[in-house]
Amino acid sequence: MNKSLFGIIIMAASIAVSVPAHAQQPSPLSPQQLANCASQVQQLRSEAVRLNQQAAAHDSRRDELARLRDAARTSTEILISYNQQATAFNSEMVAFREDMDRINEVKRAYDQGCANRSYRRSDLAALPQDKANAMRTGLADVRVPHTNAANVPLQQQ
């Protein structure tokens, strides 16, 4: 075998080995996987709306409590009221963060198992209409809130 042919064979083999596993196309979703993905889309769409509304309400409430905290420096009664309201708000935020964690887990599962996966048109047509519509609509316009600095507990005075 001449050296140039051997070099080409080695190069071809190294290219074939160096193709990452994730570059290979995953198999199409099975009908059950497609139904599960559609359920995840439905859940993500509805929960994202609810959680984003709650996040906006929490931001407003946090601003109100910040103003009350500033006023608490002038009165013990206001300070007591602030501490009670801050405690209640912090409890709400614990539940809110748990909801966010749950919905973000659904989003991660969707991203891992459903996103950018093909499916058969016949399987989509076999889904109930609401699930088929969810898959057609997708998640491009859905924003799921994440835990951030605004979601940390308020400090009591």
Protein backbone atom coordinates (compact mmCIF):
# COMPACT_ATOMS: atom_id res chain seq x y z
CA MET A 1 0.00 0.00 0.00
CA ASN A 2 1.49 3.33 -0.89
CA LYS A 3 1.97 6.05 1.73
CA SER A 4 -0.61 8.50 0.33
CA LEU A 5 -3.38 5.87 0.24
CA PHE A 6 -2.50 4.82 3.81
CA GLY A 7 -2.61 8.50 4.88
CA ILE A 8 -6.07 8.96 3.32
CA ILE A 9 -7.38 5.86 5.10
CA ILE A 10 -6.00 7.07 8.45
CA MET A 11 -7.50 10.55 7.88
CA ALA A 12 -10.90 9.08 7.00
CA ALA A 13 -10.82 6.85 10.07
CA SER A 14 -9.88 9.74 12.34
CA ILE A 15 -12.68 11.90 10.91
CA ALA A 16 -15.22 9.11 11.44
CA VAL A 17 -14.06 8.63 15.03
CA SER A 18 -14.00 12.36 15.76
CA VAL A 19 -17.67 12.93 14.83
CA PRO A 20 -19.35 13.60 18.17
CA ALA A 21 -22.18 11.33 19.24
CA HIS A 22 -24.55 14.29 19.59
CA ALA A 23 -24.04 15.11 15.89
CA GLN A 24 -25.92 11.96 14.97
CA GLN A 25 -29.62 12.48 14.40
CA PRO A 26 -31.74 11.05 17.21
CA SER A 27 -34.52 8.73 16.24
CA PRO A 28 -37.99 10.21 15.75
CA LEU A 29 -40.20 10.43 18.82
CA SER A 30 -42.41 7.42 19.38
CA PRO A 31 -46.17 8.07 19.65
CA GLN A 32 -45.93 7.82 23.47
CA GLN A 33 -42.94 10.16 23.59
CA LEU A 34 -44.74 12.63 21.34
CA ALA A 35 -47.80 12.57 23.61
CA ASN A 36 -45.54 13.12 26.63
CA CYS A 37 -43.78 16.02 24.90
CA ALA A 38 -47.15 17.56 24.03
CA SER A 39 -48.20 17.32 27.68
CA GLN A 40 -44.97 19.03 28.70
CA VAL A 41 -45.61 21.84 26.20
CA GLN A 42 -49.13 22.32 27.58
CA GLN A 43 -47.87 22.36 31.15
CA LEU A 44 -45.02 24.76 30.33
CA ARG A 45 -47.32 27.14 28.45
CA SER A 46 -49.92 27.34 31.22
CA GLU A 47 -47.50 27.37 34.16
CA ALA A 48 -45.23 29.98 32.55
CA VAL A 49 -48.17 32.40 32.30
CA ARG A 50 -49.12 31.81 35.94
CA LEU A 51 -45.56 32.03 37.24
CA ASN A 52 -44.74 35.16 35.23
CA GLN A 53 -47.86 36.84 36.64
CA GLN A 54 -46.82 35.80 40.14
CA ALA A 55 -43.28 37.06 39.54
CA ALA A 56 -44.63 40.49 38.52
CA ALA A 57 -46.90 40.57 41.58
CA HIS A 58 -43.96 39.59 43.81
CA ASP A 59 -41.84 42.37 42.34
CA SER A 60 -44.56 44.90 43.16
CA ARG A 61 -45.01 43.48 46.64
CA ARG A 62 -41.25 43.56 47.23
CA ASP A 63 -41.21 47.26 46.28
CA GLU A 64 -44.09 47.95 48.70
CA LEU A 65 -42.28 46.13 51.48
CA ALA A 66 -39.07 48.07 50.76
CA ARG A 67 -40.98 51.32 51.24
CA LEU A 68 -42.51 49.97 54.46
CA ARG A 69 -39.05 48.90 55.67
CA ASP A 70 -37.78 52.44 55.09
CA ALA A 71 -40.74 53.83 57.05
CA ALA A 72 -40.16 51.29 59.85
CA ARG A 73 -37.23 53.37 61.07
CA THR A 74 -39.71 55.89 62.43
CA SER A 75 -42.09 53.64 64.35
CA THR A 76 -42.02 50.39 66.29
CA GLU A 77 -45.55 49.56 65.12
CA ILE A 78 -44.49 49.92 61.49
CA LEU A 79 -41.43 47.78 62.19
CA ILE A 80 -43.59 45.02 63.69
CA SER A 81 -45.95 45.23 60.72
CA TYR A 82 -43.03 45.10 58.29
CA ASN A 83 -41.53 42.04 59.99
CA GLN A 84 -44.88 40.21 59.92
CA GLN A 85 -45.44 41.05 56.26
CA ALA A 86 -41.85 40.18 55.33
CA THR A 87 -42.22 36.79 57.04
CA ALA A 88 -45.43 36.08 55.11
CA PHE A 89 -43.82 37.25 51.86
CA ASN A 90 -40.80 35.03 52.44
CA SER A 91 -43.10 32.04 52.94
CA GLU A 92 -44.83 32.83 49.64
CA MET A 93 -41.45 33.10 47.97
CA VAL A 94 -40.44 29.64 49.20
CA ALA A 95 -43.51 28.17 47.53
CA PHE A 96 -42.90 30.27 44.41
CA ARG A 97 -39.29 29.08 44.13
CA GLU A 98 -40.45 25.47 44.52
CA ASP A 99 -42.97 26.01 41.69
CA MET A 100 -40.22 27.54 39.55
CA ASP A 101 -37.91 24.62 40.28
CA ARG A 102 -40.63 22.14 39.27
CA ILE A 103 -41.47 23.93 36.01
CA ASN A 104 -37.80 24.38 35.16
CA GLU A 105 -37.33 20.64 35.65
CA VAL A 106 -40.15 20.06 33.13
CA LYS A 107 -38.39 22.50 30.78
CA ARG A 108 -35.08 20.64 31.17
CA ALA A 109 -36.81 17.32 30.50
CA TYR A 110 -38.46 18.80 27.41
CA ASP A 111 -35.14 20.23 26.18
CA GLN A 112 -33.42 16.86 26.68
CA GLY A 113 -36.08 14.52 25.34
CA CYS A 114 -38.23 16.54 22.96
CA ALA A 115 -36.56 19.66 21.60
CA ASN A 116 -35.25 19.36 18.06
CA ARG A 117 -36.58 15.83 17.74
CA SER A 118 -38.55 14.79 14.71
CA TYR A 119 -41.83 12.90 14.80
CA ARG A 120 -44.13 11.27 12.31
CA ARG A 121 -46.99 13.32 10.93
CA SER A 122 -49.30 10.36 11.41
CA ASP A 123 -48.39 10.28 15.13
CA LEU A 124 -49.15 14.01 15.42
CA ALA A 125 -52.48 13.54 13.65
CA ALA A 126 -53.34 10.71 16.08
CA LEU A 127 -52.92 12.97 19.14
CA PRO A 128 -55.95 14.62 20.72
CA GLN A 129 -56.47 18.04 19.11
CA ASP A 130 -55.26 20.03 22.14
CA LYS A 131 -52.00 18.08 22.29
CA ALA A 132 -51.47 18.33 18.51
CA ASN A 133 -52.06 22.09 18.71
CA ALA A 134 -49.56 22.34 21.57
CA MET A 135 -46.90 20.62 19.47
CA ARG A 136 -47.65 22.84 16.48
CA THR A 137 -47.44 25.98 18.64
CA GLY A 138 -44.26 24.90 20.42
CA LEU A 139 -42.38 26.86 23.06
CA ALA A 140 -40.59 29.58 21.11
CA ASP A 141 -42.62 32.34 22.75
CA VAL A 142 -42.68 30.84 26.26
CA ARG A 143 -40.51 32.39 28.96
CA VAL A 144 -40.26 30.47 32.21
CA PRO A 145 -39.14 32.54 35.21
CA HIS A 146 -35.92 31.58 36.95
CA THR A 147 -34.71 32.12 40.48
CA ASN A 148 -32.66 35.29 40.66
CA ALA A 149 -31.53 37.92 43.13
CA ALA A 150 -35.03 39.44 43.25
CA ASN A 151 -36.36 36.16 44.61
CA VAL A 152 -34.17 36.00 47.72
CA PRO A 153 -35.84 36.33 51.12
CA LEU A 154 -36.37 39.77 52.63
CA GLN A 155 -34.34 40.63 55.69
CA GLN A 156 -36.24 41.36 58.83
CA GLN A 157 -35.30 44.42 60.86
